[in-house]
Amino acid sequence: MKKCMIMFVCLFIFVFGITYSKVYAQGGAEEINGKIEALEKELNALKEQLKKQEDISKAEKKELQALREEVRGLVPGEEFYWAKKAQELRDKGLAPWFGKQETKPFLRRLGRNTYLGGYMDHELEFDAGSQSNKTFDQHRLIPFIYSDVSDRVKFATEIEIEHGGTNTQGGVGGDRGEIKVEFATIDFLMTDWLNYRGGIILSPLGKLNLVHDSPLQDLTDRPMVSTFILPTTLSESGMGFFGTFYPTEMSKLDYEIYAVNGFQSIQGNTSVINDTSVGDIQGFIRNSRGSKDTENNTNPAIVGRLAFSPFLGLELGASFHTGEIDDSNENRMTIKALDWTYQRGPFELVGEYGHASIERDGVFDNGSEKSDFMAGDMWGYYIEPRYHFMPQFLVDHVPFITDDSTFTAVLRWGQLDVNSPTNVATEGDVRRTRLTPGFNFRYTEDTVFKAEYQINTEHGRRINAGDPRGTDQNNDSLVFSVATYF
């Protein structure tokens, strides 16, 4: 009986254990399944939230893109060719002097892809020993229009308004006002190394002619060689090609080559100069530019420039301009130029050398086999070191000085040799020198206030025809100016 009781108890325990295990296992599975179902619901809810966020993000991206499309012309960017050219120069950390006509600070856009802007300068000059040349002069007002017509067709023009634009003596030295097209070109872009340009072309004769804008200059007056030998601004109607090669990863080679109308033609046995004045002779090249008066030269001239940059911060250029300057095709004028641009940190060194060779047979003979009434050779150069700086204590304590402001100390040395005619009654060979120390303040890169003192000397001027010796004359000038892009 006792054994049966023990067996019964054991059997009861065994059956109860199995039953309890099954019930417990069933309850645990139900709990796990409940948890899984809850997790699945949470996951589906998270998926729904993520989908909604993705939809919002897409909408925000579309709205942001639309906003960019609306305002992308207000700040230089990568969307347009002209704006991209201006921005590339800044991104490389190069001075504006390394640019060309396309590297303008494009600040405003009109319409879909057209830019409006320009620059203005205003001057005050005091010439020693002169009562007339102590005056204010609104020298230049230059509006410009640039347009990305399509992905390959680009248009650019600048309108020059000088000395108020009227044909009256309103400028320094009695300069008369004028309004003209400084340049107007249509570019067709094909590839890096070959592109077409036609129109009124800003001639690539020397570097300064390509970067002549007043806000870019650290001194007010242009160098003598860039006034009389390489006559900035030189614009001529023509067409040709330009492009860029990349010999190595660090270097580049730019070229421009155009056929243009050239300088005014000298007709018959007369010339555009007054053969009694060295001043008129040294201004012969400048005053016979086709853009200065009429385009009467049917003999095409060739102008071109080659610029090599072996590494970032250095550019060396060589250029030329050659063409006939008389209607009988007997006299050719060839102008050659070298230019250099170097930048290392806040230091810059720029300069140019120009030489003009003028044939003088026939039209200049004045009854003899060869004329002495026109200079056969003229040359000149300038060297200009610059140093940019801004003391930090001025940034910290002067309210109108910002991190974008800078001072520049500059010194220019230049010479000009006219090799004047020997038959001139009162003047002989003249070599002019000019030393110009200057100082300027840029509130931003686009706006500059300048002050400079020009120490001018003319060597070899003769008081009268019987005096074989030359005397030196000094005519110093003090110049203030302000210039800005807009």
Foldseek 3Di string as FASTA:
>chain_A
DVVVVVVVVVVVVVVVVVVVVVVVVVVVVVVVVVVVVVVVVVVVVVVVVVVVVVVVVVVVVVVVVVVCQVCVQQAQDDPDDLSVLLVVCVVLVHACLPHFQSNDRFHDADPRFKTKWWKWKKKAKDKPPDPQQGDIFRAWTKIKMWGDPDPFKIKIWIKIWGRNAAQWQRHGPRDGIHIDILWIWIKGDDDQAKIKIFTFDQFPADSCLGVVAQLSDQARDDALCCVQFVNPRATFGWMWIWHKDDPDPFKIKIKTKIKTLFWAAAEAQDGPFDLQDPVRQSNRRNCRRCRNDHSPRPKIKMKMKMWMDNGPFKIKMKIKIKTARHPVSPKMKMKIKIKIWGDDPQKIKIKMKMKIAIAFADNQQPPHGGHLSHAGMKIKMKIKMKGKDDDVVCCVPPVLAHPQKIKMWMKMKMKIWRQHGLPRWFFGTKMKIKIKTKMWIDSHSFKIKIKIKIWIKIWRTGRGNPDPHTDIDTIIMIMIMMMGMD
